[in-house]
PDB file of N, CA and C in Angstrom:
ATOM      1  N   UNK A   1     -63.999  77.277 -48.088  1.00  0.00           N
ATOM      2  CA  UNK A   1     -63.474  77.107 -49.432  1.00  0.00           C
ATOM      3  C   UNK A   1     -62.184  77.085 -49.219  1.00  0.00           C
ATOM      4  N   UNK A   2     -61.484  78.149 -48.411  1.00  0.00           N
ATOM      5  CA  UNK A   2     -60.161  77.725 -48.304  1.00  0.00           C
ATOM      6  C   UNK A   2     -59.750  76.904 -47.168  1.00  0.00           C
ATOM      7  N   UNK A   3     -60.756  76.011 -46.431  1.00  0.00           N
ATOM      8  CA  UNK A   3     -60.168  75.045 -45.770  1.00  0.00           C
ATOM      9  C   UNK A   3     -60.285  73.591 -46.663  1.00  0.00           C
ATOM     10  N   UNK A   4     -61.187  73.382 -47.202  1.00  0.00           N
ATOM     11  CA  UNK A   4     -61.271  72.440 -47.907  1.00  0.00           C
ATOM     12  C   UNK A   4     -60.535  72.213 -49.197  1.00  0.00           C
ATOM     13  N   UNK A   5     -59.785  73.352 -49.576  1.00  0.00           N
ATOM     14  CA  UNK A   5     -58.689  73.538 -50.549  1.00  0.00           C
ATOM     15  C   UNK A   5     -57.725  72.764 -49.761  1.00  0.00           C
ATOM     16  N   UNK A   6     -57.091  73.601 -48.765  1.00  0.00           N
ATOM     17  CA  UNK A   6     -56.098  72.791 -48.056  1.00  0.00           C
ATOM     18  C   UNK A   6     -56.046  71.923 -47.871  1.00  0.00           C
ATOM     19  N   UNK A   7     -57.718  71.108 -47.572  1.00  0.00           N
ATOM     20  CA  UNK A   7     -57.470  69.318 -47.099  1.00  0.00           C
ATOM     21  C   UNK A   7     -56.905  68.705 -48.601  1.00  0.00           C
ATOM     22  N   UNK A   8     -57.440  69.233 -49.339  1.00  0.00           N
ATOM     23  CA  UNK A   8     -57.350  68.715 -50.861  1.00  0.00           C
ATOM     24  C   UNK A   8     -55.774  68.697 -50.925  1.00  0.00           C
ATOM     25  N   UNK A   9     -55.442  69.835 -50.613  1.00  0.00           N
ATOM     26  CA  UNK A   9     -53.584  69.864 -51.022  1.00  0.00           C
ATOM     27  C   UNK A   9     -52.861  69.166 -50.139  1.00  0.00           C
ATOM     28  N   UNK A  10     -53.356  69.120 -48.905  1.00  0.00           N
ATOM     29  CA  UNK A  10     -52.430  68.151 -48.014  1.00  0.00           C
ATOM     30  C   UNK A  10     -52.729  66.859 -48.278  1.00  0.00           C
ATOM     31  N   UNK A  11     -54.048  66.168 -48.590  1.00  0.00           N
ATOM     32  CA  UNK A  11     -54.114  65.174 -49.093  1.00  0.00           C
ATOM     33  C   UNK A  11     -53.496  64.276 -50.150  1.00  0.00           C
ATOM     34  N   UNK A  12     -53.376  65.335 -51.136  1.00  0.00           N
ATOM     35  CA  UNK A  12     -52.542  65.183 -52.372  1.00  0.00           C
ATOM     36  C   UNK A  12     -51.151  65.010 -52.286  1.00  0.00           C
ATOM     37  N   UNK A  13     -50.455  66.055 -51.119  1.00  0.00           N
ATOM     38  CA  UNK A  13     -49.402  65.995 -50.907  1.00  0.00           C
ATOM     39  C   UNK A  13     -48.687  64.508 -50.131  1.00  0.00           C
ATOM     40  N   UNK A  14     -49.923  64.485 -49.011  1.00  0.00           N
ATOM     41  CA  UNK A  14     -49.559  63.446 -48.341  1.00  0.00           C
ATOM     42  C   UNK A  14     -49.445  61.818 -49.042  1.00  0.00           C
ATOM     43  N   UNK A  15     -50.065  61.970 -50.111  1.00  0.00           N
ATOM     44  CA  UNK A  15     -50.261  60.953 -50.965  1.00  0.00           C
ATOM     45  C   UNK A  15     -48.858  60.113 -51.849  1.00  0.00           C
ATOM     46  N   UNK A  16     -48.745  61.404 -52.668  1.00  0.00           N
ATOM     47  CA  UNK A  16     -46.862  61.330 -53.067  1.00  0.00           C
ATOM     48  C   UNK A  16     -46.819  60.081 -54.108  1.00  0.00           C
ATOM     49  N   UNK A  17     -48.155  59.237 -54.654  1.00  0.00           N
ATOM     50  CA  UNK A  17     -47.857  57.784 -54.961  1.00  0.00           C
ATOM     51  C   UNK A  17     -47.839  58.009 -56.706  1.00  0.00           C
ATOM     52  N   UNK A  18     -48.282  59.284 -57.180  1.00  0.00           N
ATOM     53  CA  UNK A  18     -48.033  59.293 -59.061  1.00  0.00           C
ATOM     54  C   UNK A  18     -47.557  60.797 -59.369  1.00  0.00           C
ATOM     55  N   UNK A  19     -46.928  60.692 -60.400  1.00  0.00           N
ATOM     56  CA  UNK A  19     -46.699  62.090 -60.719  1.00  0.00           C
ATOM     57  C   UNK A  19     -48.371  62.809 -61.244  1.00  0.00           C
ATOM     58  N   UNK A  20     -49.479  62.545 -60.884  1.00  0.00           N
ATOM     59  CA  UNK A  20     -50.898  62.755 -61.673  1.00  0.00           C
ATOM     60  C   UNK A  20     -51.071  63.694 -60.273  1.00  0.00           C
ATOM     61  N   UNK A  21     -51.062  63.580 -58.818  1.00  0.00           N
ATOM     62  CA  UNK A  21     -50.804  64.354 -57.896  1.00  0.00           C
ATOM     63  C   UNK A  21     -50.039  65.586 -58.017  1.00  0.00           C
ATOM     64  N   UNK A  22     -48.530  65.533 -58.190  1.00  0.00           N
ATOM     65  CA  UNK A  22     -47.921  66.805 -58.365  1.00  0.00           C
ATOM     66  C   UNK A  22     -48.540  67.597 -59.414  1.00  0.00           C
ATOM     67  N   UNK A  23     -48.782  66.682 -60.704  1.00  0.00           N
ATOM     68  CA  UNK A  23     -49.468  67.987 -61.676  1.00  0.00           C
ATOM     69  C   UNK A  23     -50.702  69.201 -61.002  1.00  0.00           C
ATOM     70  N   UNK A  24     -51.425  68.256 -60.143  1.00  0.00           N
ATOM     71  CA  UNK A  24     -52.623  68.659 -59.461  1.00  0.00           C
ATOM     72  C   UNK A  24     -52.236  69.740 -58.679  1.00  0.00           C
ATOM     73  N   UNK A  25     -51.036  69.422 -57.930  1.00  0.00           N
ATOM     74  CA  UNK A  25     -50.261  70.592 -56.819  1.00  0.00           C
ATOM     75  C   UNK A  25     -49.599  71.616 -57.427  1.00  0.00           C
ATOM     76  N   UNK A  26     -49.277  71.339 -58.711  1.00  0.00           N
ATOM     77  CA  UNK A  26     -48.272  72.505 -59.348  1.00  0.00           C
ATOM     78  C   UNK A  26     -49.823  73.333 -59.742  1.00  0.00           C
ATOM     79  N   UNK A  27     -50.811  72.773 -60.198  1.00  0.00           N
ATOM     80  CA  UNK A  27     -52.135  73.671 -60.643  1.00  0.00           C
ATOM     81  C   UNK A  27     -52.734  74.364 -59.535  1.00  0.00           C
ATOM     82  N   UNK A  28     -52.779  73.676 -58.366  1.00  0.00           N
ATOM     83  CA  UNK A  28     -53.207  74.699 -57.364  1.00  0.00           C
ATOM     84  C   UNK A  28     -52.378  76.052 -57.017  1.00  0.00           C
ATOM     85  N   UNK A  29     -51.076  75.320 -56.842  1.00  0.00           N
ATOM     86  CA  UNK A  29     -50.287  76.369 -56.482  1.00  0.00           C
ATOM     87  C   UNK A  29     -50.199  77.901 -57.493  1.00  0.00           C
ATOM     88  N   UNK A  30     -50.451  77.468 -58.907  1.00  0.00           N
ATOM     89  CA  UNK A  30     -50.261  78.189 -60.060  1.00  0.00           C
ATOM     90  C   UNK A  30     -51.678  79.206 -60.214  1.00  0.00           C
ATOM     91  N   UNK A  31     -53.010  78.344 -59.473  1.00  0.00           N
ATOM     92  CA  UNK A  31     -54.488  78.954 -59.733  1.00  0.00           C
ATOM     93  C   UNK A  31     -54.138  79.331 -58.023  1.00  0.00           C
ATOM     94  N   UNK A  32     -53.368  79.771 -57.409  1.00  0.00           N
ATOM     95  CA  UNK A  32     -54.059  79.946 -55.847  1.00  0.00           C
ATOM     96  C   UNK A  32     -54.560  81.498 -55.896  1.00  0.00           C
ATOM     97  N   UNK A  33     -53.587  82.616 -56.546  1.00  0.00           N
ATOM     98  CA  UNK A  33     -53.791  83.794 -56.648  1.00  0.00           C
ATOM     99  C   UNK A  33     -55.277  84.394 -57.816  1.00  0.00           C
ATOM    100  N   UNK A  34     -55.413  83.458 -58.095  1.00  0.00           N
ATOM    101  CA  UNK A  34     -57.031  83.686 -59.366  1.00  0.00           C
ATOM    102  C   UNK A  34     -57.659  83.005 -59.031  1.00  0.00           C
ATOM    103  N   UNK A  35     -58.760  84.175 -59.135  1.00  0.00           N
ATOM    104  CA  UNK A  35     -60.474  83.637 -58.590  1.00  0.00           C
ATOM    105  C   UNK A  35     -60.760  82.779 -59.646  1.00  0.00           C
ATOM    106  N   UNK A  36     -60.994  81.297 -59.607  1.00  0.00           N
ATOM    107  CA  UNK A  36     -61.552  80.472 -60.611  1.00  0.00           C
ATOM    108  C   UNK A  36     -62.025  79.236 -59.484  1.00  0.00           C
ATOM    109  N   UNK A  37     -63.299  80.108 -59.094  1.00  0.00           N
ATOM    110  CA  UNK A  37     -63.773  79.330 -57.674  1.00  0.00           C
ATOM    111  C   UNK A  37     -64.301  77.814 -58.274  1.00  0.00           C
ATOM    112  N   UNK A  38     -65.161  77.905 -59.257  1.00  0.00           N
ATOM    113  CA  UNK A  38     -66.138  76.822 -59.787  1.00  0.00           C
ATOM    114  C   UNK A  38     -64.691  75.807 -60.415  1.00  0.00           C
ATOM    115  N   UNK A  39     -63.743  76.401 -61.085  1.00  0.00           N
ATOM    116  CA  UNK A  39     -62.490  75.264 -61.247  1.00  0.00           C
ATOM    117  C   UNK A  39     -62.220  74.496 -60.178  1.00  0.00           C
ATOM    118  N   UNK A  40     -61.625  75.449 -59.567  1.00  0.00           N
ATOM    119  CA  UNK A  40     -61.151  74.834 -58.225  1.00  0.00           C
ATOM    120  C   UNK A  40     -61.917  73.664 -57.127  1.00  0.00           C
ATOM    121  N   UNK A  41     -63.149  74.172 -56.914  1.00  0.00           N
ATOM    122  CA  UNK A  41     -64.044  73.041 -56.345  1.00  0.00           C
ATOM    123  C   UNK A  41     -63.966  71.895 -57.433  1.00  0.00           C
ATOM    124  N   UNK A  42     -64.401  71.899 -58.751  1.00  0.00           N
ATOM    125  CA  UNK A  42     -64.437  70.295 -59.514  1.00  0.00           C
ATOM    126  C   UNK A  42     -63.180  69.908 -59.273  1.00  0.00           C
ATOM    127  N   UNK A  43     -61.760  70.719 -59.342  1.00  0.00           N
ATOM    128  CA  UNK A  43     -60.705  69.984 -58.815  1.00  0.00           C
ATOM    129  C   UNK A  43     -60.598  69.030 -57.628  1.00  0.00           C
ATOM    130  N   UNK A  44     -61.101  69.988 -56.384  1.00  0.00           N
ATOM    131  CA  UNK A  44     -60.926  69.587 -55.377  1.00  0.00           C
ATOM    132  C   UNK A  44     -62.360  68.058 -55.038  1.00  0.00           C
ATOM    133  N   UNK A  45     -63.029  68.285 -55.668  1.00  0.00           N
ATOM    134  CA  UNK A  45     -63.977  66.790 -55.794  1.00  0.00           C
ATOM    135  C   UNK A  45     -63.123  65.514 -56.464  1.00  0.00           C
ATOM    136  N   UNK A  46     -62.508  66.268 -57.565  1.00  0.00           N
ATOM    137  CA  UNK A  46     -62.224  65.038 -58.426  1.00  0.00           C
ATOM    138  C   UNK A  46     -60.861  64.419 -57.012  1.00  0.00           C
ATOM    139  N   UNK A  47     -60.134  65.286 -56.746  1.00  0.00           N
ATOM    140  CA  UNK A  47     -58.516  65.146 -55.697  1.00  0.00           C
ATOM    141  C   UNK A  47     -59.717  64.095 -54.678  1.00  0.00           C
ATOM    142  N   UNK A  48     -60.806  64.481 -54.691  1.00  0.00           N
ATOM    143  CA  UNK A  48     -61.237  64.202 -52.994  1.00  0.00           C
ATOM    144  C   UNK A  48     -61.649  62.469 -53.369  1.00  0.00           C
ATOM    145  N   UNK A  49     -62.256  62.078 -54.466  1.00  0.00           N
ATOM    146  CA  UNK A  49     -63.067  61.155 -55.039  1.00  0.00           C
ATOM    147  C   UNK A  49     -61.413  60.243 -55.047  1.00  0.00           C
ATOM    148  N   UNK A  50     -60.368  60.651 -55.843  1.00  0.00           N
ATOM    149  CA  UNK A  50     -59.469  60.153 -56.226  1.00  0.00           C
ATOM    150  C   UNK A  50     -58.581  59.248 -54.924  1.00  0.00           C
ATOM    151  N   UNK A  51     -58.499  60.446 -53.913  1.00  0.00           N
ATOM    152  CA  UNK A  51     -57.640  60.215 -52.772  1.00  0.00           C
ATOM    153  C   UNK A  51     -58.379  59.101 -52.055  1.00  0.00           C
ATOM    154  N   UNK A  52     -59.508  58.848 -51.968  1.00  0.00           N
ATOM    155  CA  UNK A  52     -60.495  58.387 -51.037  1.00  0.00           C
ATOM    156  C   UNK A  52     -60.935  56.549 -51.726  1.00  0.00           C
ATOM    157  N   UNK A  53     -60.382  56.920 -53.061  1.00  0.00           N
ATOM    158  CA  UNK A  53     -60.777  55.432 -54.013  1.00  0.00           C
ATOM    159  C   UNK A  53     -59.255  54.720 -54.132  1.00  0.00           C
ATOM    160  N   UNK A  54     -58.066  55.343 -53.372  1.00  0.00           N
ATOM    161  CA  UNK A  54     -56.862  54.735 -53.757  1.00  0.00           C
ATOM    162  C   UNK A  54     -57.204  53.604 -52.564  1.00  0.00           C
TER     163      UNK A  54
END
């Protein structure tokens, strides 16, 4: 879990192509201490597909 979250974080951080990624970065940082495993998994999947589709 943590490994995948870090990967999604750094992938989005390295992209820096739109404010869309910044929104997800802020969202990840805000929900980092909260137990939202399902939401984080779904967001990680979306981030992964977005980054791989660029």
